[in-house]
C-alpha cells in the first residue's frame, strides 16, 4: 500500500461514511479494484480512518451527549443488541462473509433497492412529527439497535439499517438520522477496537 492508495481509500471513506451506502463495503471494493491484498497494514489503515469518523460524530454531537445521561442510556440500550449479536456471530461473519466482493455487491444492490422502496412507502405514510432524539423510548432504541445488527453483513450500511429501522418504528426522519449518528459512536468504536 502506498500514498496513492491511502489517498484513494481516505477519500472513499470520507465520502461514504455518513451516507447510507456502507463505507466498509466501498472500502472492500476499492481495495479489490486497487489490487490491495488484505493484510495488517490495510486493516490498521482502515481502522484509523474509521476511528477518525467516530471522533467527527462525537465532536458534532458533543452538546447533545455531554451530561445528557438519558440519551446516553438510550444509546447504550441501542448498542446492546448489536454488541451481543456481534460477539455471537463475529467468527461466522469473518469466516463466511468478510472480504467477499460478491456479498458486498449484493448487499449494496439490495440495500439500494430497499431504500428506494422504503422512500416510496414513507412518502405515503409519514411518521408523526415532534419526537426528538431524547424522547425515543428504550424499546425503540433497542429495536433500532437490532436493525443495526443487519449491518454485520459486509456491504449493508449501518446508517441505512438504523435510519430505516427508526422510520419503520414511527420516528420522524430527523430523529431517526440523529439517533443513527449517535448510535454510531459506540458501534464504530467496538467495530474498530
C-alpha atoms as a PDB file:
ATOM      1  CA  UNK A   1       0.000   0.000   0.000  1.00  0.00           C
ATOM      2  CA  UNK A   2       1.393   3.402  -0.979  1.00  0.00           C
ATOM      3  CA  UNK A   3       0.411   7.063  -0.520  1.00  0.00           C
ATOM      4  CA  UNK A   4      -1.811   6.981  -3.630  1.00  0.00           C
ATOM      5  CA  UNK A   5      -3.764   4.034  -2.214  1.00  0.00           C
ATOM      6  CA  UNK A   6      -4.046   5.839   1.135  1.00  0.00           C
ATOM      7  CA  UNK A   7      -5.435   8.966  -0.529  1.00  0.00           C
ATOM      8  CA  UNK A   8      -7.967   6.986  -2.557  1.00  0.00           C
ATOM      9  CA  UNK A   9      -9.139   4.929   0.428  1.00  0.00           C
ATOM     10  CA  UNK A  10      -9.296   8.044   2.623  1.00  0.00           C
ATOM     11  CA  UNK A  11     -11.406   9.833   0.016  1.00  0.00           C
ATOM     12  CA  UNK A  12     -13.755   6.842  -0.308  1.00  0.00           C
ATOM     13  CA  UNK A  13     -14.157   6.692   3.479  1.00  0.00           C
ATOM     14  CA  UNK A  14     -14.714  10.434   3.723  1.00  0.00           C
ATOM     15  CA  UNK A  15     -17.388  10.468   1.034  1.00  0.00           C
ATOM     16  CA  UNK A  16     -19.232   7.323   2.097  1.00  0.00           C
ATOM     17  CA  UNK A  17     -19.060   7.256   5.921  1.00  0.00           C
ATOM     18  CA  UNK A  18     -22.036   9.487   6.607  1.00  0.00           C
ATOM     19  CA  UNK A  19     -24.193   8.365   3.684  1.00  0.00           C
ATOM     20  CA  UNK A  20     -26.398   5.269   3.916  1.00  0.00           C
ATOM     21  CA  UNK A  21     -24.222   3.351   1.440  1.00  0.00           C
ATOM     22  CA  UNK A  22     -21.770   1.274   3.554  1.00  0.00           C
ATOM     23  CA  UNK A  23     -18.348   2.856   3.764  1.00  0.00           C
ATOM     24  CA  UNK A  24     -16.869  -0.516   4.743  1.00  0.00           C
ATOM     25  CA  UNK A  25     -18.363  -2.157   1.656  1.00  0.00           C
ATOM     26  CA  UNK A  26     -16.954   0.586  -0.530  1.00  0.00           C
ATOM     27  CA  UNK A  27     -13.527   0.241   1.116  1.00  0.00           C
ATOM     28  CA  UNK A  28     -13.582  -3.511   0.429  1.00  0.00           C
ATOM     29  CA  UNK A  29     -14.488  -2.962  -3.235  1.00  0.00           C
ATOM     30  CA  UNK A  30     -11.979  -0.123  -3.658  1.00  0.00           C
ATOM     31  CA  UNK A  31      -9.211  -2.228  -2.102  1.00  0.00           C
ATOM     32  CA  UNK A  32     -10.093  -5.005  -4.537  1.00  0.00           C
ATOM     33  CA  UNK A  33     -10.046  -2.596  -7.516  1.00  0.00           C
ATOM     34  CA  UNK A  34      -6.659  -1.262  -6.369  1.00  0.00           C
ATOM     35  CA  UNK A  35      -5.477  -4.880  -6.073  1.00  0.00           C
ATOM     36  CA  UNK A  36      -4.503  -4.439  -2.449  1.00  0.00           C
ATOM     37  CA  UNK A  37      -4.051  -7.638  -0.518  1.00  0.00           C
ATOM     38  CA  UNK A  38      -5.825  -7.837   2.806  1.00  0.00           C
ATOM     39  CA  UNK A  39      -3.062  -7.558   5.392  1.00  0.00           C
ATOM     40  CA  UNK A  40      -2.383  -5.956   8.770  1.00  0.00           C
ATOM     41  CA  UNK A  41      -1.268  -2.642   7.231  1.00  0.00           C
ATOM     42  CA  UNK A  42      -4.503  -2.285   5.244  1.00  0.00           C
ATOM     43  CA  UNK A  43      -6.642  -3.287   8.236  1.00  0.00           C
ATOM     44  CA  UNK A  44      -4.829  -0.823  10.518  1.00  0.00           C
ATOM     45  CA  UNK A  45      -5.262   1.953   7.970  1.00  0.00           C
ATOM     46  CA  UNK A  46      -8.985   1.242   7.583  1.00  0.00           C
ATOM     47  CA  UNK A  47      -9.411   1.199  11.366  1.00  0.00           C
ATOM     48  CA  UNK A  48      -7.610   4.529  11.722  1.00  0.00           C
ATOM     49  CA  UNK A  49      -9.702   6.324   9.082  1.00  0.00           C
ATOM     50  CA  UNK A  50     -12.908   4.898  10.528  1.00  0.00           C
ATOM     51  CA  UNK A  51     -11.791   5.958  14.008  1.00  0.00           C
ATOM     52  CA  UNK A  52     -11.493   9.498  12.668  1.00  0.00           C
ATOM     53  CA  UNK A  53     -15.155   9.255  11.661  1.00  0.00           C
ATOM     54  CA  UNK A  54     -16.052   8.272  15.247  1.00  0.00           C
ATOM     55  CA  UNK A  55     -14.279  11.372  16.523  1.00  0.00           C
ATOM     56  CA  UNK A  56     -16.135  13.527  13.996  1.00  0.00           C
ATOM     57  CA  UNK A  57     -19.524  12.202  15.157  1.00  0.00           C
ATOM     58  CA  UNK A  58     -18.588  12.657  18.807  1.00  0.00           C
ATOM     59  CA  UNK A  59     -17.472  16.243  18.127  1.00  0.00           C
ATOM     60  CA  UNK A  60     -20.590  17.013  16.095  1.00  0.00           C
ATOM     61  CA  UNK A  61     -22.940  15.763  18.795  1.00  0.00           C
ATOM     62  CA  UNK A  62     -20.884  16.748  21.845  1.00  0.00           C
ATOM     63  CA  UNK A  63     -23.514  19.217  23.087  1.00  0.00           C
ATOM     64  CA  UNK A  64     -26.227  16.556  22.939  1.00  0.00           C
ATOM     65  CA  UNK A  65     -24.039  13.889  24.556  1.00  0.00           C
ATOM     66  CA  UNK A  66     -22.308  15.865  27.298  1.00  0.00           C
ATOM     67  CA  UNK A  67     -24.184  15.460  30.527  1.00  0.00           C
ATOM     68  CA  UNK A  68     -27.364  14.083  28.937  1.00  0.00           C
ATOM     69  CA  UNK A  69     -27.482  10.719  30.662  1.00  0.00           C
ATOM     70  CA  UNK A  70     -30.983   9.910  29.371  1.00  0.00           C
ATOM     71  CA  UNK A  71     -29.743   9.928  25.768  1.00  0.00           C
ATOM     72  CA  UNK A  72     -26.517   8.140  26.705  1.00  0.00           C
ATOM     73  CA  UNK A  73     -28.554   5.345  28.358  1.00  0.00           C
ATOM     74  CA  UNK A  74     -30.694   5.014  25.221  1.00  0.00           C
ATOM     75  CA  UNK A  75     -27.566   4.826  23.071  1.00  0.00           C
ATOM     76  CA  UNK A  76     -26.252   2.049  25.330  1.00  0.00           C
ATOM     77  CA  UNK A  77     -29.598   0.209  25.086  1.00  0.00           C
ATOM     78  CA  UNK A  78     -29.470   0.631  21.298  1.00  0.00           C
ATOM     79  CA  UNK A  79     -25.948  -0.786  21.207  1.00  0.00           C
ATOM     80  CA  UNK A  80     -26.722  -3.883  23.299  1.00  0.00           C
ATOM     81  CA  UNK A  81     -28.417  -5.974  20.533  1.00  0.00           C
ATOM     82  CA  UNK A  82     -25.578  -5.238  18.114  1.00  0.00           C
ATOM     83  CA  UNK A  83     -22.954  -5.912  20.770  1.00  0.00           C
ATOM     84  CA  UNK A  84     -24.453  -9.261  21.738  1.00  0.00           C
ATOM     85  CA  UNK A  85     -25.068 -10.414  18.165  1.00  0.00           C
ATOM     86  CA  UNK A  86     -21.635  -9.135  17.149  1.00  0.00           C
ATOM     87  CA  UNK A  87     -19.959 -11.240  19.833  1.00  0.00           C
ATOM     88  CA  UNK A  88     -22.031 -14.304  18.945  1.00  0.00           C
ATOM     89  CA  UNK A  89     -21.718 -14.056  15.155  1.00  0.00           C
ATOM     90  CA  UNK A  90     -18.310 -12.418  14.644  1.00  0.00           C
ATOM     91  CA  UNK A  91     -16.435 -15.616  13.788  1.00  0.00           C
ATOM     92  CA  UNK A  92     -19.135 -16.739  11.330  1.00  0.00           C
ATOM     93  CA  UNK A  93     -19.251 -13.332   9.626  1.00  0.00           C
ATOM     94  CA  UNK A  94     -15.453 -13.236   9.451  1.00  0.00           C
ATOM     95  CA  UNK A  95     -15.215 -16.783   8.082  1.00  0.00           C
ATOM     96  CA  UNK A  96     -18.017 -16.694   5.504  1.00  0.00           C
ATOM     97  CA  UNK A  97     -18.812 -13.081   4.611  1.00  0.00           C
ATOM     98  CA  UNK A  98     -15.944 -10.680   5.318  1.00  0.00           C
ATOM     99  CA  UNK A  99     -13.769  -9.919   2.315  1.00  0.00           C
ATOM    100  CA  UNK A 100     -16.267 -11.325  -0.191  1.00  0.00           C
ATOM    101  CA  UNK A 101     -16.806  -8.855  -3.008  1.00  0.00           C
ATOM    102  CA  UNK A 102     -19.889 -10.824  -4.104  1.00  0.00           C
ATOM    103  CA  UNK A 103     -21.518 -10.416  -0.674  1.00  0.00           C
ATOM    104  CA  UNK A 104     -20.682  -6.690  -0.705  1.00  0.00           C
ATOM    105  CA  UNK A 105     -22.079  -6.179  -4.214  1.00  0.00           C
ATOM    106  CA  UNK A 106     -25.329  -7.978  -3.417  1.00  0.00           C
ATOM    107  CA  UNK A 107     -25.662  -6.135  -0.104  1.00  0.00           C
ATOM    108  CA  UNK A 108     -25.141  -2.757  -1.772  1.00  0.00           C
ATOM    109  CA  UNK A 109     -27.634  -3.615  -4.513  1.00  0.00           C
ATOM    110  CA  UNK A 110     -30.314  -4.944  -2.162  1.00  0.00           C
ATOM    111  CA  UNK A 111     -29.734  -2.037   0.234  1.00  0.00           C
ATOM    112  CA  UNK A 112     -30.258   0.435  -2.599  1.00  0.00           C
ATOM    113  CA  UNK A 113     -33.464  -1.310  -3.647  1.00  0.00           C
ATOM    114  CA  UNK A 114     -34.671  -1.308  -0.023  1.00  0.00           C
ATOM    115  CA  UNK A 115     -34.005   2.435   0.310  1.00  0.00           C
ATOM    116  CA  UNK A 116     -35.853   3.208  -2.932  1.00  0.00           C
ATOM    117  CA  UNK A 117     -38.826   1.043  -1.988  1.00  0.00           C
ATOM    118  CA  UNK A 118     -38.933   2.466   1.508  1.00  0.00           C
ATOM    119  CA  UNK A 119     -38.781   6.064   0.290  1.00  0.00           C
ATOM    120  CA  UNK A 120     -41.860   5.439  -1.835  1.00  0.00           C
ATOM    121  CA  UNK A 121     -43.688   3.900   1.135  1.00  0.00           C
ATOM    122  CA  UNK A 122     -42.510   6.623   3.537  1.00  0.00           C
ATOM    123  CA  UNK A 123     -43.754   9.411   1.260  1.00  0.00           C
ATOM    124  CA  UNK A 124     -47.260   7.966   1.606  1.00  0.00           C
ATOM    125  CA  UNK A 125     -47.066   7.134   5.341  1.00  0.00           C
ATOM    126  CA  UNK A 126     -45.236   9.976   7.061  1.00  0.00           C
ATOM    127  CA  UNK A 127     -44.282   9.465  10.694  1.00  0.00           C
ATOM    128  CA  UNK A 128     -45.552  11.636  13.497  1.00  0.00           C
ATOM    129  CA  UNK A 129     -43.567  14.844  13.803  1.00  0.00           C
ATOM    130  CA  UNK A 130     -42.243  16.312  17.004  1.00  0.00           C
ATOM    131  CA  UNK A 131     -40.490  13.325  18.614  1.00  0.00           C
ATOM    132  CA  UNK A 132     -36.980  14.486  19.455  1.00  0.00           C
ATOM    133  CA  UNK A 133     -33.972  12.207  19.875  1.00  0.00           C
ATOM    134  CA  UNK A 134     -34.221  12.481  23.672  1.00  0.00           C
ATOM    135  CA  UNK A 135     -37.827  11.248  23.531  1.00  0.00           C
ATOM    136  CA  UNK A 136     -37.029   7.919  21.885  1.00  0.00           C
ATOM    137  CA  UNK A 137     -38.254   5.102  24.111  1.00  0.00           C
ATOM    138  CA  UNK A 138     -35.920   2.390  25.377  1.00  0.00           C
ATOM    139  CA  UNK A 139     -37.873  -0.140  23.311  1.00  0.00           C
ATOM    140  CA  UNK A 140     -37.382   1.943  20.151  1.00  0.00           C
ATOM    141  CA  UNK A 141     -33.674   2.305  20.969  1.00  0.00           C
ATOM    142  CA  UNK A 142     -33.284  -1.471  21.362  1.00  0.00           C
ATOM    143  CA  UNK A 143     -35.196  -2.186  18.147  1.00  0.00           C
ATOM    144  CA  UNK A 144     -33.124   0.332  16.176  1.00  0.00           C
ATOM    145  CA  UNK A 145     -30.079  -1.473  17.598  1.00  0.00           C
ATOM    146  CA  UNK A 146     -31.499  -4.752  16.342  1.00  0.00           C
ATOM    147  CA  UNK A 147     -31.876  -3.247  12.857  1.00  0.00           C
ATOM    148  CA  UNK A 148     -28.274  -2.084  13.142  1.00  0.00           C
ATOM    149  CA  UNK A 149     -27.191  -5.712  13.610  1.00  0.00           C
ATOM    150  CA  UNK A 150     -28.042  -6.392   9.973  1.00  0.00           C
ATOM    151  CA  UNK A 151     -25.019  -4.252   9.111  1.00  0.00           C
ATOM    152  CA  UNK A 152     -22.714  -7.041  10.285  1.00  0.00           C
ATOM    153  CA  UNK A 153     -23.151  -8.285   6.731  1.00  0.00           C
ATOM    154  CA  UNK A 154     -20.422  -6.589   4.669  1.00  0.00           C
ATOM    155  CA  UNK A 155     -21.939  -4.025   2.320  1.00  0.00           C
ATOM    156  CA  UNK A 156     -25.035  -3.405   4.435  1.00  0.00           C
ATOM    157  CA  UNK A 157     -24.988   0.213   5.523  1.00  0.00           C
ATOM    158  CA  UNK A 158     -25.168   0.654   9.278  1.00  0.00           C
ATOM    159  CA  UNK A 159     -26.723   4.084   8.914  1.00  0.00           C
ATOM    160  CA  UNK A 160     -29.274   2.888   6.344  1.00  0.00           C
ATOM    161  CA  UNK A 161     -30.271  -0.030   8.578  1.00  0.00           C
ATOM    162  CA  UNK A 162     -30.716   2.193  11.639  1.00  0.00           C
ATOM    163  CA  UNK A 163     -32.437   5.049   9.816  1.00  0.00           C
ATOM    164  CA  UNK A 164     -34.878   2.732   8.033  1.00  0.00           C
ATOM    165  CA  UNK A 165     -35.447   0.889  11.314  1.00  0.00           C
ATOM    166  CA  UNK A 166     -36.216   4.146  13.102  1.00  0.00           C
ATOM    167  CA  UNK A 167     -38.587   5.246  10.365  1.00  0.00           C
ATOM    168  CA  UNK A 168     -40.373   1.887  10.429  1.00  0.00           C
ATOM    169  CA  UNK A 169     -40.828   2.387  14.180  1.00  0.00           C
ATOM    170  CA  UNK A 170     -42.555   5.699  13.506  1.00  0.00           C
ATOM    171  CA  UNK A 171     -39.735   8.108  14.311  1.00  0.00           C
ATOM    172  CA  UNK A 172     -39.529  11.337  12.313  1.00  0.00           C
ATOM    173  CA  UNK A 173     -36.724  11.315   9.722  1.00  0.00           C
ATOM    174  CA  UNK A 174     -34.602  13.927  11.564  1.00  0.00           C
ATOM    175  CA  UNK A 175     -34.831  11.971  14.819  1.00  0.00           C
ATOM    176  CA  UNK A 176     -34.024   8.647  13.120  1.00  0.00           C
ATOM    177  CA  UNK A 177     -30.962  10.182  11.442  1.00  0.00           C
ATOM    178  CA  UNK A 178     -29.726  11.819  14.654  1.00  0.00           C
ATOM    179  CA  UNK A 179     -30.135   8.630  16.679  1.00  0.00           C
ATOM    180  CA  UNK A 180     -28.354   6.699  13.930  1.00  0.00           C
ATOM    181  CA  UNK A 181     -25.367   9.052  14.149  1.00  0.00           C
ATOM    182  CA  UNK A 182     -25.327   8.898  17.955  1.00  0.00           C
ATOM    183  CA  UNK A 183     -25.537   5.103  17.888  1.00  0.00           C
ATOM    184  CA  UNK A 184     -22.557   5.095  15.522  1.00  0.00           C
ATOM    185  CA  UNK A 185     -20.191   6.191  18.295  1.00  0.00           C
ATOM    186  CA  UNK A 186     -20.178   3.007  20.438  1.00  0.00           C
ATOM    187  CA  UNK A 187     -20.806   0.756  17.450  1.00  0.00           C
ATOM    188  CA  UNK A 188     -17.919   2.059  15.360  1.00  0.00           C
ATOM    189  CA  UNK A 189     -15.687   2.151  18.436  1.00  0.00           C
ATOM    190  CA  UNK A 190     -16.441  -1.536  19.076  1.00  0.00           C
ATOM    191  CA  UNK A 191     -16.033  -2.484  15.410  1.00  0.00           C
ATOM    192  CA  UNK A 192     -12.680  -0.730  15.065  1.00  0.00           C
ATOM    193  CA  UNK A 193     -11.404  -1.706  18.512  1.00  0.00           C
END
